[in-house]
């Protein structure tokens, strides 16, 4: 069995096994065996290669990290727990957006607070996209049953759909900007997810409580951890079933 993930990761980064061997200080034949015979390197080499090819250790070597170890690392991925979203400092949102160099992902029903607390957010996202940051915004489909159910559960029928239509007016200003993707979902969200490269704010949803009054986890990705990856995988699943416009059929 060959390690095709490792081979692909090395090639996609414009490297060769010889180049990788030189950078981590091992014999090129050793790197070849890691690829062609799917041998598992020592942990120090795993982390060095993962950093070079910009992939997670569990992705490159699925058997290298036990569930118990992944769980322990996952606990270290939590930087801070806020009892409610309204307690998250505005400066933190600003810093995370400003530092993002590769991706900004937003998954919410409306997330209206983002544009309300920062009137320049849309201009910032446009510039980020121009600078090469992939910006993906997933909003709730205001015509979906999940949105109305959420409003009813919070004791305000119709309000959530109105918030989405309001925030649409802001994101419409990003239409046609390369690198920006604004799509719609009809998922019943258990969390709103805001990702900025390898950091993430996860706003948990609590039945009957508006999002500003629900807890938020600040996560920072660590190699081998499973907590950050759990929520990033969730974002990807919603993205895969999202739509270009409200009311569209689901596309994949």
Protein backbone atom coordinates (compact mmCIF):
# COMPACT_ATOMS: atom_id res chain seq x y z
CA UNK A 1 0.00 0.00 0.00
CA UNK A 2 1.25 3.45 -0.91
CA UNK A 3 0.56 6.67 0.96
CA UNK A 4 -1.12 8.55 -1.89
CA UNK A 5 -2.12 11.42 0.39
CA UNK A 6 1.49 12.10 1.32
CA UNK A 7 2.64 11.82 -2.31
CA UNK A 8 -0.10 14.18 -3.48
CA UNK A 9 0.58 16.71 -0.72
CA UNK A 10 4.29 16.80 -1.57
CA UNK A 11 3.67 17.24 -5.30
CA UNK A 12 0.95 19.91 -4.83
CA UNK A 13 3.45 22.00 -2.91
CA UNK A 14 5.96 21.79 -5.76
CA UNK A 15 8.30 19.52 -3.81
CA UNK A 16 9.99 16.16 -4.33
CA UNK A 17 10.84 13.41 -1.84
CA UNK A 18 14.48 14.50 -2.11
CA UNK A 19 13.58 18.10 -1.27
CA UNK A 20 11.49 16.99 1.72
CA UNK A 21 14.31 14.75 2.93
CA UNK A 22 16.77 17.64 2.78
CA UNK A 23 14.46 19.94 4.71
CA UNK A 24 13.83 17.53 7.59
CA UNK A 25 17.29 15.92 7.65
CA UNK A 26 16.64 12.32 6.62
CA UNK A 27 17.75 10.05 3.80
CA UNK A 28 15.69 10.43 0.58
CA UNK A 29 15.14 6.67 0.56
CA UNK A 30 13.41 7.02 3.92
CA UNK A 31 10.92 9.49 2.48
CA UNK A 32 10.37 7.16 -0.48
CA UNK A 33 9.52 4.32 1.92
CA UNK A 34 7.06 6.58 3.77
CA UNK A 35 5.33 7.09 0.42
CA UNK A 36 5.64 3.76 -1.42
CA UNK A 37 5.37 1.45 1.59
CA UNK A 38 3.09 3.66 3.71
CA UNK A 39 5.48 3.54 6.64
CA UNK A 40 4.78 5.92 9.51
CA UNK A 41 7.56 8.40 10.38
CA UNK A 42 8.56 9.30 13.90
CA UNK A 43 6.25 11.94 15.44
CA UNK A 44 8.85 14.71 15.04
CA UNK A 45 9.06 13.96 11.31
CA UNK A 46 5.28 13.72 11.00
CA UNK A 47 4.85 17.23 12.35
CA UNK A 48 7.73 18.61 10.27
CA UNK A 49 6.29 17.21 7.04
CA UNK A 50 2.75 18.28 7.92
CA UNK A 51 4.00 21.83 8.38
CA UNK A 52 5.88 21.76 5.07
CA UNK A 53 2.93 20.47 3.02
CA UNK A 54 0.31 22.37 5.05
CA UNK A 55 -1.80 19.37 5.99
CA UNK A 56 -2.92 17.75 9.24
CA UNK A 57 -1.02 14.77 10.63
CA UNK A 58 -4.25 12.67 10.84
CA UNK A 59 -4.92 13.37 7.16
CA UNK A 60 -1.47 12.21 6.07
CA UNK A 61 -1.29 9.29 8.51
CA UNK A 62 -4.80 8.37 9.73
CA UNK A 63 -3.50 5.68 12.08
CA UNK A 64 -0.79 7.83 13.62
CA UNK A 65 -3.04 9.65 16.10
CA UNK A 66 -5.17 7.54 18.42
CA UNK A 67 -8.68 8.78 19.31
CA UNK A 68 -7.53 9.31 22.89
CA UNK A 69 -4.57 11.45 21.82
CA UNK A 70 -6.72 13.40 19.35
CA UNK A 71 -9.19 14.10 22.14
CA UNK A 72 -6.44 15.38 24.45
CA UNK A 73 -5.06 17.64 21.74
CA UNK A 74 -8.59 18.79 20.96
CA UNK A 75 -8.99 20.04 24.50
CA UNK A 76 -5.92 22.21 23.98
CA UNK A 77 -7.48 23.66 20.83
CA UNK A 78 -9.94 25.64 22.95
CA UNK A 79 -8.42 29.06 23.56
CA UNK A 80 -11.36 30.58 25.42
CA UNK A 81 -14.99 29.83 26.27
CA UNK A 82 -17.36 32.78 26.47
CA UNK A 83 -20.67 32.32 28.28
CA UNK A 84 -22.45 34.32 25.57
CA UNK A 85 -21.63 35.75 22.16
CA UNK A 86 -22.19 39.29 23.36
CA UNK A 87 -19.19 38.78 25.69
CA UNK A 88 -16.77 38.17 22.81
CA UNK A 89 -14.66 41.35 22.52
CA UNK A 90 -15.23 43.27 19.31
CA UNK A 91 -11.45 43.61 19.00
CA UNK A 92 -11.15 39.83 18.73
CA UNK A 93 -13.51 39.70 15.73
CA UNK A 94 -11.56 42.53 14.13
CA UNK A 95 -8.18 40.89 14.77
CA UNK A 96 -9.25 37.51 13.41
CA UNK A 97 -10.64 39.04 10.22
CA UNK A 98 -7.63 41.30 9.79
CA UNK A 99 -5.09 38.46 10.28
CA UNK A 100 -6.78 36.03 7.87
CA UNK A 101 -4.54 35.30 4.88
CA UNK A 102 -6.13 32.21 3.31
CA UNK A 103 -9.81 31.89 4.15
CA UNK A 104 -12.73 33.51 5.93
CA UNK A 105 -15.76 31.25 6.38
CA UNK A 106 -19.08 32.40 7.81
CA UNK A 107 -21.90 29.96 8.52
CA UNK A 108 -24.97 31.42 10.20
CA UNK A 109 -28.65 32.00 9.71
CA UNK A 110 -28.18 35.75 9.37
CA UNK A 111 -25.13 36.91 11.33
CA UNK A 112 -26.47 40.43 11.11
CA UNK A 113 -24.42 41.52 14.12
CA UNK A 114 -21.21 41.31 12.04
CA UNK A 115 -22.21 44.14 9.72
CA UNK A 116 -23.91 46.06 12.53
CA UNK A 117 -20.82 46.12 14.73
CA UNK A 118 -18.50 46.93 11.83
CA UNK A 119 -19.98 49.10 9.04
CA UNK A 120 -16.76 48.60 7.07
CA UNK A 121 -16.97 44.80 7.10
CA UNK A 122 -18.12 44.46 3.49
CA UNK A 123 -15.32 46.69 2.25
CA UNK A 124 -12.86 44.70 4.35
CA UNK A 125 -14.08 41.39 2.92
CA UNK A 126 -13.85 42.78 -0.61
CA UNK A 127 -10.24 43.84 -0.05
CA UNK A 128 -9.42 40.52 1.57
CA UNK A 129 -10.73 38.70 -1.51
CA UNK A 130 -8.72 40.98 -3.80
CA UNK A 131 -5.65 40.11 -1.72
CA UNK A 132 -6.26 36.38 -2.31
CA UNK A 133 -8.33 35.34 0.72
CA UNK A 134 -11.17 32.94 -0.10
CA UNK A 135 -14.34 34.39 1.46
CA UNK A 136 -17.32 32.05 1.84
CA UNK A 137 -20.59 33.20 3.42
CA UNK A 138 -23.40 30.72 4.05
CA UNK A 139 -26.71 32.33 5.05
CA UNK A 140 -30.00 30.69 5.89
CA UNK A 141 -32.57 30.46 3.10
CA UNK A 142 -35.27 32.89 4.34
CA UNK A 143 -37.96 30.83 2.60
CA UNK A 144 -37.03 27.55 4.32
CA UNK A 145 -39.02 25.88 7.09
CA UNK A 146 -35.91 25.72 9.30
CA UNK A 147 -35.72 29.51 9.42
CA UNK A 148 -39.33 29.98 10.48
CA UNK A 149 -38.99 27.20 13.05
CA UNK A 150 -35.98 28.99 14.56
CA UNK A 151 -37.98 32.25 14.80
CA UNK A 152 -40.91 30.50 16.46
CA UNK A 153 -38.61 28.78 18.97
CA UNK A 154 -37.20 32.18 19.91
CA UNK A 155 -40.71 33.62 20.29
CA UNK A 156 -40.44 35.97 17.33
CA UNK A 157 -42.14 34.50 14.23
CA UNK A 158 -40.86 35.95 10.97
CA UNK A 159 -37.98 37.84 12.54
CA UNK A 160 -35.16 35.55 11.39
CA UNK A 161 -36.23 35.67 7.74
CA UNK A 162 -36.40 39.47 7.98
CA UNK A 163 -32.85 39.58 9.39
CA UNK A 164 -31.56 37.42 6.55
CA UNK A 165 -33.17 39.64 3.93
CA UNK A 166 -31.66 42.65 5.67
CA UNK A 167 -28.16 41.22 5.73
CA UNK A 168 -28.53 40.16 2.09
CA UNK A 169 -28.47 43.82 1.13
CA UNK A 170 -24.96 44.07 2.54
CA UNK A 171 -23.55 40.91 0.97
CA UNK A 172 -25.12 41.78 -2.40
CA UNK A 173 -22.39 44.41 -2.61
CA UNK A 174 -19.86 41.60 -2.98
CA UNK A 175 -21.54 40.13 -6.04
CA UNK A 176 -19.06 39.54 -8.81
CA UNK A 177 -15.98 39.95 -6.62
CA UNK A 178 -13.53 37.12 -7.45
CA UNK A 179 -12.84 34.92 -4.46
CA UNK A 180 -16.17 35.68 -2.74
CA UNK A 181 -18.91 33.08 -2.49
CA UNK A 182 -22.29 33.92 -0.90
CA UNK A 183 -24.64 30.96 -0.77
CA UNK A 184 -27.78 29.84 1.09
CA UNK A 185 -28.64 26.76 3.13
CA UNK A 186 -31.75 25.25 4.66
CA UNK A 187 -29.86 23.33 7.35
CA UNK A 188 -31.05 23.19 10.94
CA UNK A 189 -27.95 24.71 12.50
CA UNK A 190 -26.63 23.46 15.80
CA UNK A 191 -23.83 26.04 15.73
CA UNK A 192 -22.88 29.14 13.81
CA UNK A 193 -19.28 28.88 12.62
CA UNK A 194 -16.89 31.73 11.91
CA UNK A 195 -13.50 30.56 10.64
CA UNK A 196 -10.42 32.69 10.02
CA UNK A 197 -7.58 30.49 8.72
CA UNK A 198 -6.65 28.27 11.68
CA UNK A 199 -8.82 30.06 14.25
CA UNK A 200 -12.54 29.75 14.71
CA UNK A 201 -15.40 31.13 16.78
CA UNK A 202 -18.22 28.63 17.28
CA UNK A 203 -21.50 30.10 18.52
CA UNK A 204 -23.52 27.26 20.02
CA UNK A 205 -27.29 27.29 19.52
CA UNK A 206 -29.50 26.75 22.56
CA UNK A 207 -33.21 26.05 22.21
CA UNK A 208 -35.25 29.15 22.97
CA UNK A 209 -32.24 31.46 23.32
CA UNK A 210 -31.15 33.99 20.66
CA UNK A 211 -27.56 33.50 19.47
CA UNK A 212 -26.18 36.58 21.32
CA UNK A 213 -27.09 34.88 24.62
CA UNK A 214 -25.55 31.47 23.74
CA UNK A 215 -21.96 30.38 24.44
CA UNK A 216 -19.03 30.81 22.05
CA UNK A 217 -15.87 28.72 21.80
CA UNK A 218 -12.68 30.29 20.48
CA UNK A 219 -10.70 27.48 18.86
CA UNK A 220 -7.20 27.39 17.40
CA UNK A 221 -6.24 24.47 15.18
CA UNK A 222 -3.53 22.12 16.43
CA UNK A 223 -1.96 19.31 14.43
CA UNK A 224 -3.56 16.04 15.46
CA UNK A 225 -6.53 17.62 17.24
CA UNK A 226 -10.11 16.68 16.42
CA UNK A 227 -12.19 19.53 17.89
CA UNK A 228 -11.36 22.18 15.29
CA UNK A 229 -11.66 19.59 12.52
CA UNK A 230 -15.13 18.57 13.72
CA UNK A 231 -16.49 22.05 13.10
CA UNK A 232 -14.56 22.66 9.88
CA UNK A 233 -15.99 19.40 8.52
CA UNK A 234 -19.46 20.57 9.54
CA UNK A 235 -18.96 23.80 7.58
CA UNK A 236 -17.88 21.82 4.52
CA UNK A 237 -20.98 19.61 4.68
CA UNK A 238 -23.29 22.61 4.75
CA UNK A 239 -21.35 24.21 1.89
CA UNK A 240 -21.74 21.05 -0.19
CA UNK A 241 -25.54 21.23 0.07
CA UNK A 242 -25.87 25.02 -0.24
CA UNK A 243 -27.62 26.97 -3.02
CA UNK A 244 -26.69 29.92 -5.17
CA UNK A 245 -29.88 31.85 -4.40
CA UNK A 246 -32.73 31.52 -1.88
CA UNK A 247 -35.28 29.00 -3.03
CA UNK A 248 -32.93 27.27 -5.50
CA UNK A 249 -32.77 23.51 -5.63
CA UNK A 250 -29.93 22.04 -3.59
CA UNK A 251 -26.72 21.77 -5.60
CA UNK A 252 -23.60 19.74 -4.95
